[in-house]
Amino acid sequence: MQVEHLSLITTPVLLLEGDKIVSQGTGFYFGLSQDAGSVLFLITNHHVLTGYAPTDNKPPMGENIVFYLHKDPNNPGITKEIRFPLFTKNKKPVWLSSKDLPEADVAIIPIISSIVADAKVFGISGDWTTANIKLRPTSTVTLIGYPYGYYDKKNCLPIWKTGSMASEPDTDFEGKPLLLVDISAFPGMSGSPAFAIAHGAYEMVEGPTTVGQVQKFLGIFASMPSIRENKYLEEIPSQSKQGLVFEQSLQLGHIWKANLIIEITKNIDIAQYEREVLRNL
């Protein structure tokens, strides 16, 4: 069985309260080389782990998560299920986020080696951000995840959904490390990695158009913005004269850029994390 590498880097992330599934999102594996060796991280959104945006300051809706690792690339349906607590014994959260940008909906969990000892880990690294492909508004963008929890459960393989870039990729949208994508995305895809993918001819950042295959990591999908629209009942069939408020989806997705993820992971003190978190689970 020939399976794309990127189909193996993601995992459903289930938020549990006791044994009850509260919600489901997406996560993916990211590796970083350090002096002490390589470190593996599970990357997802803060709201996938808690049920709330980072700035809501509400208690999480659950206390554990479940995620999966593949054990055999030739038979991807064979997986290892991992149940992981969200808090230490002294109530310290196990995930890490941006200290400089607390509103960023990015959550990172370092994965200890014992968890992956009998599994085959597929992931990406910072090198996946360096592909020489020119990006502009309307460039193709692909998200890989689990819309409404729908995916190939027999083979434990995700869904690929494709749209186009809707903002200037080299400009931080609203001054934040965000880019917008025009795509039809659904609950369950929060935490999906985003890629620019080209097969065949593509334009390079420097140099002429070339032919080949390129996959560039852009960041993590987080949310779909909407606008609130006031409507009055003269505009809709009704006998009442009261005003109503509708939520209108813009069919746009927020993607927190890859450089933010790289910055957070590089600033994690793994030794301190082991002392303060891993030893207190």
Protein backbone atom coordinates (compact mmCIF):
# COMPACT_ATOMS: atom_id res chain seq x y z
CA MET A 1 0.00 0.00 0.00
CA GLN A 2 1.44 3.36 -1.05
CA VAL A 3 0.30 6.12 1.32
CA GLU A 4 1.33 9.78 1.19
CA HIS A 5 3.61 10.78 4.05
CA LEU A 6 1.33 13.70 4.92
CA SER A 7 -1.62 11.34 5.36
CA LEU A 8 0.28 9.72 8.23
CA ILE A 9 1.31 12.82 10.22
CA THR A 10 -2.15 13.70 11.53
CA THR A 11 -4.31 12.23 14.26
CA PRO A 12 -7.83 12.75 15.56
CA VAL A 13 -7.68 14.47 18.97
CA LEU A 14 -10.60 13.53 21.20
CA LEU A 15 -11.38 15.61 24.27
CA LEU A 16 -12.81 13.47 27.10
CA GLU A 17 -14.66 14.23 30.30
CA GLY A 18 -14.30 10.97 32.15
CA ASP A 19 -15.00 8.41 29.42
CA LYS A 20 -17.37 10.68 27.50
CA ILE A 21 -16.16 12.30 24.27
CA VAL A 22 -16.85 16.03 24.51
CA SER A 23 -15.42 17.14 21.16
CA GLN A 24 -13.06 16.10 18.39
CA GLY A 25 -10.41 18.01 16.48
CA THR A 26 -7.19 17.37 14.60
CA GLY A 27 -3.54 17.28 15.61
CA PHE A 28 -0.27 16.56 13.83
CA TYR A 29 3.27 15.57 14.73
CA PHE A 30 6.19 17.98 14.50
CA GLY A 31 9.84 17.20 15.16
CA LEU A 32 12.63 19.48 16.33
CA SER A 33 16.34 18.72 16.61
CA GLN A 34 18.06 19.99 19.77
CA ASP A 35 21.46 19.50 21.41
CA ALA A 36 20.02 16.68 23.53
CA GLY A 37 18.55 14.97 20.47
CA SER A 38 15.28 15.15 18.56
CA VAL A 39 12.03 16.10 20.28
CA LEU A 40 8.55 15.17 19.08
CA PHE A 41 5.54 17.43 19.58
CA LEU A 42 1.81 17.02 19.13
CA ILE A 43 0.52 20.27 17.62
CA THR A 44 -3.14 21.26 17.83
CA ASN A 45 -5.34 24.21 18.85
CA HIS A 46 -5.91 25.45 22.38
CA HIS A 47 -9.66 25.17 21.83
CA VAL A 48 -9.32 21.53 20.72
CA LEU A 49 -7.82 20.73 24.14
CA THR A 50 -10.13 22.90 26.22
CA GLY A 51 -13.27 23.65 24.23
CA TYR A 52 -12.61 27.39 24.46
CA ALA A 53 -10.51 30.10 22.83
CA PRO A 54 -7.21 30.92 24.59
CA THR A 55 -8.50 34.28 25.86
CA ASP A 56 -11.80 32.96 27.27
CA ASN A 57 -10.19 32.01 30.60
CA LYS A 58 -12.72 29.24 31.19
CA PRO A 59 -12.03 25.84 32.76
CA PRO A 60 -11.53 23.07 30.16
CA MET A 61 -14.52 20.95 29.18
CA GLY A 62 -12.51 17.75 29.75
CA GLU A 63 -9.46 16.42 31.54
CA ASN A 64 -7.98 13.90 29.07
CA ILE A 65 -7.35 13.58 25.38
CA VAL A 66 -7.01 10.56 23.11
CA PHE A 67 -4.80 10.56 20.03
CA TYR A 68 -3.22 7.94 17.79
CA LEU A 69 0.09 6.84 16.28
CA HIS A 70 0.54 4.55 13.30
CA LYS A 71 2.45 1.32 13.88
CA ASP A 72 2.93 0.06 10.33
CA PRO A 73 3.09 2.36 7.25
CA ASN A 74 2.13 -0.57 5.04
CA ASN A 75 -1.01 -1.15 7.11
CA PRO A 76 -2.02 2.30 8.41
CA GLY A 77 -5.16 0.95 10.06
CA ILE A 78 -2.96 -0.56 12.80
CA THR A 79 -2.59 2.23 15.34
CA LYS A 80 -1.63 2.82 18.94
CA GLU A 81 -4.24 4.67 21.00
CA ILE A 82 -2.85 7.03 23.60
CA ARG A 83 -4.85 8.53 26.45
CA PHE A 84 -3.06 11.53 27.91
CA PRO A 85 -3.99 13.77 30.86
CA LEU A 86 -4.33 17.49 30.26
CA PHE A 87 -3.13 18.44 33.75
CA THR A 88 -0.49 17.34 36.22
CA LYS A 89 -1.29 16.29 39.78
CA ASN A 90 -0.85 19.92 40.86
CA LYS A 91 -3.20 21.14 38.07
CA LYS A 92 -0.52 22.47 35.75
CA PRO A 93 -1.53 22.21 32.05
CA VAL A 94 0.56 19.84 29.95
CA TRP A 95 0.36 21.98 26.81
CA LEU A 96 2.49 25.00 25.96
CA SER A 97 1.60 28.06 23.92
CA SER A 98 3.01 31.40 22.81
CA LYS A 99 4.10 33.63 25.68
CA ASP A 100 4.30 36.66 23.41
CA LEU A 101 0.97 36.09 21.69
CA PRO A 102 -1.46 34.56 24.21
CA GLU A 103 -4.42 34.90 21.84
CA ALA A 104 -2.78 32.55 19.33
CA ASP A 105 -4.89 29.40 19.14
CA VAL A 106 -1.91 27.03 19.15
CA ALA A 107 -1.22 24.33 21.74
CA ILE A 108 1.89 22.15 21.80
CA ILE A 109 2.48 18.98 23.82
CA PRO A 110 5.98 17.44 23.96
CA ILE A 111 5.69 13.68 23.50
CA ILE A 112 7.84 11.44 25.70
CA SER A 113 9.85 8.70 24.01
CA SER A 114 8.15 5.85 25.88
CA ILE A 115 4.85 6.69 24.17
CA VAL A 116 6.27 6.19 20.69
CA ALA A 117 8.54 3.25 21.51
CA ASP A 118 6.43 0.67 19.64
CA ALA A 119 5.03 2.97 16.94
CA LYS A 120 6.25 4.39 13.66
CA VAL A 121 6.26 8.17 13.91
CA PHE A 122 5.52 10.28 10.86
CA GLY A 123 5.88 14.02 11.17
CA ILE A 124 7.17 17.22 9.68
CA SER A 125 9.81 19.71 10.80
CA GLY A 126 10.88 23.27 10.16
CA ASP A 127 12.52 22.13 6.93
CA TRP A 128 9.03 21.75 5.46
CA THR A 129 8.66 25.56 5.50
CA THR A 130 11.60 26.20 3.17
CA ALA A 131 10.29 24.85 -0.15
CA ASN A 132 11.04 27.26 -2.99
CA ILE A 133 7.49 27.87 -4.23
CA LYS A 134 6.05 31.30 -4.91
CA LEU A 135 2.87 31.97 -2.94
CA ARG A 136 0.30 34.64 -3.70
CA PRO A 137 -3.44 35.20 -3.20
CA THR A 138 -5.29 32.40 -5.05
CA SER A 139 -2.41 29.92 -4.53
CA THR A 140 -3.71 26.45 -3.68
CA VAL A 141 -3.84 25.55 0.03
CA THR A 142 -4.64 22.09 1.39
CA LEU A 143 -5.84 21.18 4.90
CA ILE A 144 -5.53 17.61 6.20
CA GLY A 145 -7.88 16.60 8.98
CA TYR A 146 -11.16 15.08 10.17
CA PRO A 147 -14.28 17.13 9.25
CA TYR A 148 -17.06 16.28 11.70
CA GLY A 149 -14.95 13.26 12.65
CA TYR A 150 -15.39 11.82 9.16
CA TYR A 151 -12.43 9.90 7.77
CA ASP A 152 -11.30 6.44 6.65
CA LYS A 153 -11.58 4.73 10.02
CA LYS A 154 -10.61 1.30 8.67
CA ASN A 155 -7.24 2.64 7.51
CA CYS A 156 -7.08 5.55 9.97
CA LEU A 157 -6.40 8.03 7.18
CA PRO A 158 -7.57 11.67 7.11
CA ILE A 159 -9.43 13.80 4.57
CA TRP A 160 -7.66 16.30 2.33
CA LYS A 161 -9.62 19.51 1.60
CA THR A 162 -8.33 22.14 -0.79
CA GLY A 163 -8.99 25.85 -1.18
CA SER A 164 -7.02 28.95 -2.04
CA MET A 165 -5.03 31.60 -0.23
CA ALA A 166 -7.20 34.64 0.51
CA SER A 167 -4.67 37.08 1.99
CA GLU A 168 -1.16 38.20 1.18
CA PRO A 169 1.06 35.34 2.43
CA ASP A 170 4.04 37.52 3.31
CA THR A 171 1.91 40.01 5.25
CA ASP A 172 0.67 39.29 8.78
CA PHE A 173 -3.11 39.63 8.63
CA GLU A 174 -4.25 42.29 11.13
CA GLY A 175 -0.65 42.45 12.35
CA LYS A 176 -0.74 38.87 13.65
CA PRO A 177 1.07 35.80 12.23
CA LEU A 178 -2.10 34.78 10.40
CA LEU A 179 -3.05 34.09 6.82
CA LEU A 180 -6.52 33.54 5.42
CA VAL A 181 -7.64 30.69 3.23
CA ASP A 182 -10.82 30.52 1.15
CA ILE A 183 -12.05 27.00 1.89
CA SER A 184 -15.06 24.98 2.95
CA ALA A 185 -13.96 23.68 6.35
CA PHE A 186 -15.96 22.14 9.15
CA PRO A 187 -15.80 21.39 12.89
CA GLY A 188 -13.31 18.63 13.53
CA MET A 189 -10.73 20.18 11.18
CA SER A 190 -9.44 22.58 13.83
CA GLY A 191 -5.78 21.77 14.28
CA SER A 192 -5.27 20.61 10.70
CA PRO A 193 -1.87 21.31 9.16
CA ALA A 194 -1.99 23.54 6.08
CA PHE A 195 0.22 23.03 3.03
CA ALA A 196 0.94 24.55 -0.34
CA ILE A 197 1.25 21.56 -2.68
CA ALA A 198 2.17 21.52 -6.35
CA HIS A 199 2.55 18.62 -8.77
CA GLY A 200 3.91 19.51 -12.18
CA ALA A 201 4.77 23.09 -13.14
CA TYR A 202 5.01 25.69 -10.38
CA GLU A 203 6.50 29.15 -9.89
CA MET A 204 9.55 29.47 -7.67
CA VAL A 205 10.26 32.37 -5.28
CA GLU A 206 13.51 32.95 -7.09
CA GLY A 207 14.06 31.65 -10.56
CA PRO A 208 11.82 30.59 -13.41
CA THR A 209 8.86 28.26 -13.40
CA THR A 210 9.97 24.68 -12.86
CA VAL A 211 8.47 21.22 -12.99
CA GLY A 212 8.37 18.81 -10.06
CA GLN A 213 6.62 18.12 -6.78
CA VAL A 214 6.74 20.45 -3.81
CA GLN A 215 5.00 20.49 -0.41
CA LYS A 216 5.38 23.52 1.86
CA PHE A 217 4.09 23.69 5.44
CA LEU A 218 2.14 26.91 5.98
CA GLY A 219 0.74 26.59 9.49
CA ILE A 220 -2.22 25.33 11.51
CA PHE A 221 -5.90 25.84 10.75
CA ALA A 222 -7.75 27.31 13.73
CA SER A 223 -11.10 28.97 13.02
CA MET A 224 -13.65 30.38 10.58
CA PRO A 225 -14.46 34.08 11.07
CA SER A 226 -18.06 35.23 10.82
CA ILE A 227 -19.95 38.49 10.88
CA ARG A 228 -23.06 39.37 12.82
CA GLU A 229 -25.81 40.74 10.61
CA ASN A 230 -28.91 42.53 11.92
CA LYS A 231 -32.06 41.62 10.01
CA TYR A 232 -35.58 42.80 10.55
CA LEU A 233 -38.68 40.77 10.07
CA GLU A 234 -39.79 42.89 7.13
CA GLU A 235 -36.94 41.03 5.37
CA ILE A 236 -38.03 37.50 6.35
CA PRO A 237 -41.46 35.79 6.51
CA SER A 238 -42.89 36.47 9.97
CA GLN A 239 -45.67 38.34 11.78
CA SER A 240 -43.41 39.78 14.48
CA LYS A 241 -41.65 43.12 14.15
CA GLN A 242 -38.67 42.27 16.32
CA GLY A 243 -35.11 42.40 15.04
CA LEU A 244 -32.98 39.27 14.76
CA VAL A 245 -29.23 38.73 14.60
CA PHE A 246 -27.76 36.17 12.20
CA GLU A 247 -24.26 34.72 12.10
CA GLN A 248 -22.95 34.82 8.54
CA SER A 249 -19.97 32.62 7.66
CA LEU A 250 -17.42 34.24 5.38
CA GLN A 251 -16.16 30.81 4.22
CA LEU A 252 -12.68 31.92 5.24
CA GLY A 253 -10.27 30.10 7.53
CA HIS A 254 -7.66 31.47 9.92
CA ILE A 255 -4.27 29.77 9.72
CA TRP A 256 -1.63 30.56 12.34
CA LYS A 257 1.64 30.66 10.44
CA ALA A 258 4.31 27.98 10.65
CA ASN A 259 6.96 30.39 11.94
CA LEU A 260 4.90 30.86 15.12
CA ILE A 261 4.92 27.10 15.73
CA ILE A 262 8.67 26.93 15.12
CA GLU A 263 9.26 29.85 17.49
CA ILE A 264 7.22 28.24 20.29
CA THR A 265 8.91 24.85 19.97
CA LYS A 266 12.41 26.35 19.89
CA ASN A 267 11.72 28.25 23.12
CA ILE A 268 10.51 25.19 25.06
CA ASP A 269 12.90 24.13 27.81
CA ILE A 270 12.53 20.37 27.57
CA ALA A 271 14.46 19.68 30.79
CA GLN A 272 12.22 22.06 32.71
CA TYR A 273 9.13 20.51 31.12
CA GLU A 274 10.23 17.05 32.25
CA ARG A 275 10.75 18.26 35.83
CA GLU A 276 7.57 20.30 36.17
CA VAL A 277 5.13 18.34 34.01
CA LEU A 278 6.15 14.81 33.06
CA ARG A 279 7.24 13.82 36.56
CA ASN A 280 3.93 14.99 37.99
CA LEU A 281 1.45 13.25 35.71
